[in-house]
Protein backbone atom coordinates (compact mmCIF):
# COMPACT_ATOMS: atom_id res chain seq x y z
CA MET A 1 31.54 6.43 33.17
CA ASN A 2 28.56 5.56 35.33
CA GLU A 3 26.06 3.90 32.95
CA SER A 4 23.51 3.40 35.73
CA ARG A 5 22.75 7.10 35.90
CA GLU A 6 19.59 8.51 34.37
CA LEU A 7 20.21 9.16 30.68
CA VAL A 8 16.93 11.01 30.13
CA ASN A 9 16.76 14.64 31.18
CA ARG A 10 13.12 15.33 32.04
CA GLU A 11 13.85 18.98 32.64
CA ASP A 12 14.59 19.39 28.93
CA ARG A 13 11.35 19.05 26.97
CA ALA A 14 10.02 19.57 23.46
CA VAL A 15 6.49 19.06 22.18
CA LEU A 16 5.42 17.64 18.83
CA VAL A 17 2.04 18.60 17.39
CA ASN A 18 0.13 16.41 14.90
CA LEU A 19 -2.79 17.89 12.96
CA SER A 20 -3.51 14.71 10.97
CA ASP A 21 -5.57 11.64 11.83
CA GLN A 22 -2.58 9.39 11.09
CA GLU A 23 0.03 8.28 13.61
CA TYR A 24 3.70 8.19 12.66
CA PHE A 25 6.50 5.96 13.95
CA SER A 26 10.16 6.97 14.07
CA ASN A 27 13.13 4.83 15.13
CA GLN A 28 15.98 7.02 16.34
CA ALA A 29 18.34 4.09 17.06
CA THR A 30 20.22 4.75 20.30
CA LEU A 31 17.96 7.71 21.06
CA GLY A 32 14.87 5.50 21.20
CA SER A 33 11.72 4.91 19.18
CA TYR A 34 8.84 7.34 19.09
CA THR A 35 5.20 7.17 17.99
CA VAL A 36 3.55 10.46 17.15
CA PRO A 37 -0.14 9.94 18.05
CA ALA A 38 -2.93 10.70 15.60
CA ARG A 39 -5.46 13.44 16.18
CA GLY A 40 -8.55 11.90 17.70
CA ALA A 41 -12.16 12.46 16.65
CA GLY A 42 -13.24 15.96 17.63
CA GLN A 43 -9.66 17.03 18.39
CA ARG A 44 -7.82 19.76 16.55
CA TYR A 45 -4.43 18.16 17.18
CA ALA A 46 -2.50 15.56 19.21
CA LEU A 47 0.64 16.13 21.29
CA LEU A 48 3.79 14.15 22.08
CA THR A 49 6.33 15.28 24.67
CA LEU A 50 9.98 14.34 24.16
CA PHE A 51 12.91 14.70 26.56
CA GLY A 52 16.57 15.42 26.11
CA ARG A 53 18.86 12.46 26.64
CA THR A 54 22.47 11.33 26.63
CA GLU A 55 23.46 8.95 23.84
CA LEU A 56 26.06 6.31 24.65
CA TYR A 57 28.06 4.87 21.77
CA ASP A 58 30.93 2.40 21.34
CA MET A 59 34.29 3.90 20.33
CA GLY A 60 36.09 0.53 20.13
CA ASP A 61 38.80 -0.93 22.36
CA ASP A 62 36.30 -1.12 25.24
CA ARG A 63 35.90 2.64 25.13
CA LYS A 64 32.54 4.35 25.18
CA GLY A 65 31.62 7.85 24.21
CA GLU A 66 28.62 9.97 24.98
CA LYS A 67 26.78 12.87 23.44
CA TYR A 68 23.91 14.92 24.77
CA TRP A 69 20.94 15.52 22.48
CA THR A 70 18.50 18.25 23.41
CA ALA A 71 14.80 17.47 23.32
CA ARG A 72 14.36 19.89 20.43
CA ASP A 73 17.12 18.19 18.43
CA ILE A 74 15.45 14.81 18.92
CA ALA A 75 12.05 16.24 18.03
CA ARG A 76 13.39 17.70 14.79
CA SER A 77 14.99 14.35 13.97
CA VAL A 78 11.67 12.55 14.58
CA VAL A 79 9.92 15.01 12.26
CA ALA A 80 12.78 14.45 9.76
CA GLU A 81 13.14 18.13 8.97
CA HIS A 82 16.49 17.34 7.33
CA ASN A 83 14.94 14.88 4.82
CA PRO A 84 12.56 16.35 2.21
CA ASP A 85 11.28 12.87 1.28
CA ALA A 86 10.32 12.01 4.86
CA ASP A 87 9.58 15.42 6.36
CA LEU A 88 6.47 14.99 8.52
CA ARG A 89 5.77 18.71 8.44
CA ARG A 90 4.09 18.04 5.07
CA PHE A 91 1.48 16.01 6.97
CA GLY A 92 0.82 18.57 9.70
CA VAL A 93 3.43 17.46 12.26
CA PHE A 94 5.71 20.13 13.76
CA VAL A 95 7.72 21.12 16.83
CA CYS A 96 5.97 23.92 18.69
CA ALA A 97 7.85 26.63 20.57
CA ALA A 98 6.22 26.04 23.95
CA ALA A 99 4.21 23.39 25.80
CA LEU A 100 1.18 24.13 23.60
CA PRO A 101 1.00 25.36 20.00
CA THR A 102 -0.03 28.94 19.33
CA GLU A 103 -2.82 29.84 16.94
CA GLU A 104 -0.24 31.23 14.51
CA GLU A 105 1.68 27.94 14.56
CA LEU A 106 -1.48 25.93 13.93
CA ILE A 107 -2.54 28.14 11.02
CA ALA A 108 0.92 27.92 9.43
CA ALA A 109 1.06 24.14 9.86
CA GLN A 110 -2.43 23.74 8.39
CA ALA A 111 -1.50 25.87 5.37
CA ARG A 112 1.65 23.78 4.81
CA GLN A 113 -0.34 20.53 5.01
CA ASP A 114 -3.06 21.84 2.66
CA SER A 115 -0.46 22.94 0.13
CA PHE A 116 1.17 19.51 0.14
CA TYR A 117 -2.18 17.76 -0.16
CA LEU A 118 -3.18 19.93 -3.14
CA GLU A 119 0.07 18.97 -4.87
CA GLN A 120 -0.71 15.29 -4.27
CA ILE A 121 -4.20 15.67 -5.73
CA GLN A 122 -2.82 17.41 -8.83
CA GLN A 123 -0.31 14.59 -9.34
CA ALA A 124 -3.09 12.02 -8.95
CA ASP A 125 -5.25 13.86 -11.49
CA LEU A 126 -2.37 13.75 -13.98
CA LEU A 127 -1.80 10.03 -13.43
CA TYR A 128 -5.49 9.27 -13.81
CA SER A 129 -5.81 11.35 -16.99
CA ARG A 130 -3.11 9.16 -18.56
CA ALA A 131 -4.58 5.88 -17.32
CA PRO A 132 -8.25 6.34 -16.38
CA HIS A 133 -8.76 2.61 -16.01
CA ARG A 134 -5.92 2.25 -13.50
CA PRO A 135 -7.10 3.78 -10.20
CA ASP A 136 -4.60 1.47 -8.50
CA SER A 137 -1.85 3.83 -9.69
CA ILE A 138 -3.09 6.43 -7.19
CA THR A 139 -1.15 6.31 -3.91
CA ASP A 140 -2.62 6.07 -0.43
CA VAL A 141 -1.22 9.51 0.37
CA GLN A 142 -3.02 11.00 -2.63
CA ARG A 143 -6.30 9.39 -1.58
CA ARG A 144 -5.78 10.59 1.98
CA ALA A 145 -5.13 14.10 0.68
CA ALA A 146 -8.41 14.19 -1.25
CA ARG A 147 -10.39 12.93 1.72
CA ALA A 148 -8.71 15.37 4.11
CA LEU A 149 -9.63 18.33 1.89
CA GLY A 150 -13.09 16.97 1.10
CA ILE A 151 -12.35 16.89 -2.65
CA ASP A 152 -14.18 14.26 -4.67
CA ARG A 153 -12.40 12.54 -7.54
CA PRO A 154 -13.27 9.56 -9.82
CA TRP A 155 -10.08 7.83 -8.67
CA LEU A 156 -11.12 8.13 -5.02
CA VAL A 157 -12.32 4.54 -4.69
CA ASN A 158 -11.65 1.84 -2.15
CA MET A 159 -9.14 -0.54 -3.69
CA ALA A 160 -9.88 -4.23 -3.33
CA ALA A 161 -7.20 -6.59 -2.07
CA MET A 162 -5.27 -8.16 -4.93
CA SER A 163 -3.54 -11.50 -5.40
CA GLU A 164 -1.46 -13.11 -8.13
CA CYS A 165 -3.07 -15.47 -10.63
CA PRO A 166 -1.32 -18.87 -10.32
CA ALA A 167 -1.64 -19.41 -14.06
CA CYS A 168 -0.41 -16.19 -15.67
CA GLY A 169 0.90 -14.16 -12.74
CA GLY A 170 -1.45 -11.23 -13.39
CA MET A 171 -2.95 -9.33 -10.45
CA VAL A 172 -6.63 -10.08 -9.79
CA LYS A 173 -9.03 -9.21 -6.99
CA VAL A 174 -9.04 -11.60 -4.07
CA GLY A 175 -12.08 -13.88 -4.42
CA ALA A 176 -12.43 -13.47 -8.18
CA ALA A 177 -13.93 -16.50 -9.93
CA VAL A 178 -12.03 -15.98 -13.19
CA CYS A 179 -8.69 -14.32 -13.99
CA ARG A 180 -9.35 -11.22 -16.09
CA HIS A 181 -6.03 -11.69 -17.86
CA CYS A 182 -5.97 -15.34 -18.95
CA ALA A 183 -9.58 -16.43 -18.20
CA VAL A 184 -8.49 -19.39 -16.08
CA ILE A 185 -11.07 -20.33 -13.43
CA LEU A 186 -9.78 -19.53 -9.94
CA ASP A 187 -12.84 -20.53 -7.90
CA GLU A 188 -14.69 -23.57 -9.29
CA GLU A 189 -17.66 -23.24 -6.93
CA LYS A 190 -18.24 -19.55 -7.62
CA ALA A 191 -17.75 -20.05 -11.36
CA ALA A 192 -20.35 -22.84 -11.40
CA LYS A 193 -22.78 -20.67 -9.42
CA PHE A 194 -22.69 -17.97 -12.09
CA GLY A 195 -22.73 -20.39 -15.02
CA ILE A 196 -19.09 -19.93 -16.01
CA VAL A 197 -17.87 -23.11 -17.71
CA ARG A 198 -14.24 -24.06 -17.92
CA PRO A 199 -13.03 -24.19 -21.55
CA ALA A 200 -12.78 -27.81 -22.70
CA THR A 201 -9.28 -29.21 -23.15
CA ALA A 202 -8.25 -31.65 -25.87
CA LYS A 203 -8.74 -34.60 -23.50
CA GLU A 204 -12.19 -33.40 -22.51
CA ILE A 205 -13.49 -33.04 -26.12
CA PRO A 206 -15.77 -36.05 -26.73
CA GLN A 207 -14.50 -38.41 -29.42
CA THR A 208 -17.15 -38.93 -32.11
CA ALA A 209 -17.07 -41.63 -34.77
CA PRO A 210 -15.65 -40.41 -38.07
CA ALA A 211 -18.23 -39.67 -40.77
CA ARG A 212 -18.79 -42.59 -43.16
CA ASN A 213 -17.61 -42.08 -46.71
CA GLU A 214 -20.72 -41.56 -48.84
CA MET A 215 -19.07 -43.74 -51.56
CA GLU A 216 -18.70 -46.60 -49.09
CA PRO A 217 -21.62 -49.07 -49.08
CA ALA A 218 -23.09 -49.81 -45.71
CA GLY A 219 -21.31 -52.68 -44.04
CA VAL A 220 -18.42 -52.57 -46.52
CA THR A 221 -15.10 -50.94 -45.80
CA VAL A 222 -13.36 -48.84 -48.41
CA ASP A 223 -10.57 -51.39 -48.72
CA ALA A 224 -13.04 -54.22 -49.06
CA ALA A 225 -14.99 -52.36 -51.69
CA PHE A 226 -11.85 -51.86 -53.72
CA ARG A 227 -11.21 -55.59 -53.46
CA GLY A 228 -14.78 -56.37 -54.35
CA GLY A 229 -15.27 -58.12 -51.09
CA LYS A 230 -17.48 -57.51 -48.11
CA LYS A 231 -16.44 -56.69 -44.60
CA LYS A 232 -16.28 -59.78 -42.42
């Protein structure tokens, strides 16, 4: 087998169309890695051309095999048409029949994307109705769906970066002065600026002299009083 020959067949082409403003990456192992470009501002879609190619694989005992993959087969694998959980057609990515998509293909792809996005918004609404104070339970895809369709929702907020409280392990916003879970001060300078005082510990509580027994004469200890003597 001559491995120096051209493995890519540039006469065999397939075109991917992306209606979304997100790019997608796909690693096809021995068939290469592909990045589906995002639709740019003012564009209706973005295109990616793929080529057919010969896959070389190891059969063991110093033997090598080969298999030819058509450009359309590779394109369908990149889109993950075989995997419902990763199928990019839900996001407006599809393999068009020719070098450019037809109007019918674009309309069908847009309808498929809109349907998926509406499902995501409905799921987000259900999650938020159960936990209205937990907008962090809404996924990025669900937020993207609402923005893509221009649908406003109370859970459509920009989530702040979170970090783990070193004291209790609860998640708090990055830069917070106080942990909202255990009230430990995380930023001394910011806490002081806003008048937040750290709770006093046992060692920090000032030690005051014990109250004098009202029955004890001034300058006489209780023991001395019982003995009838005065404190030395």
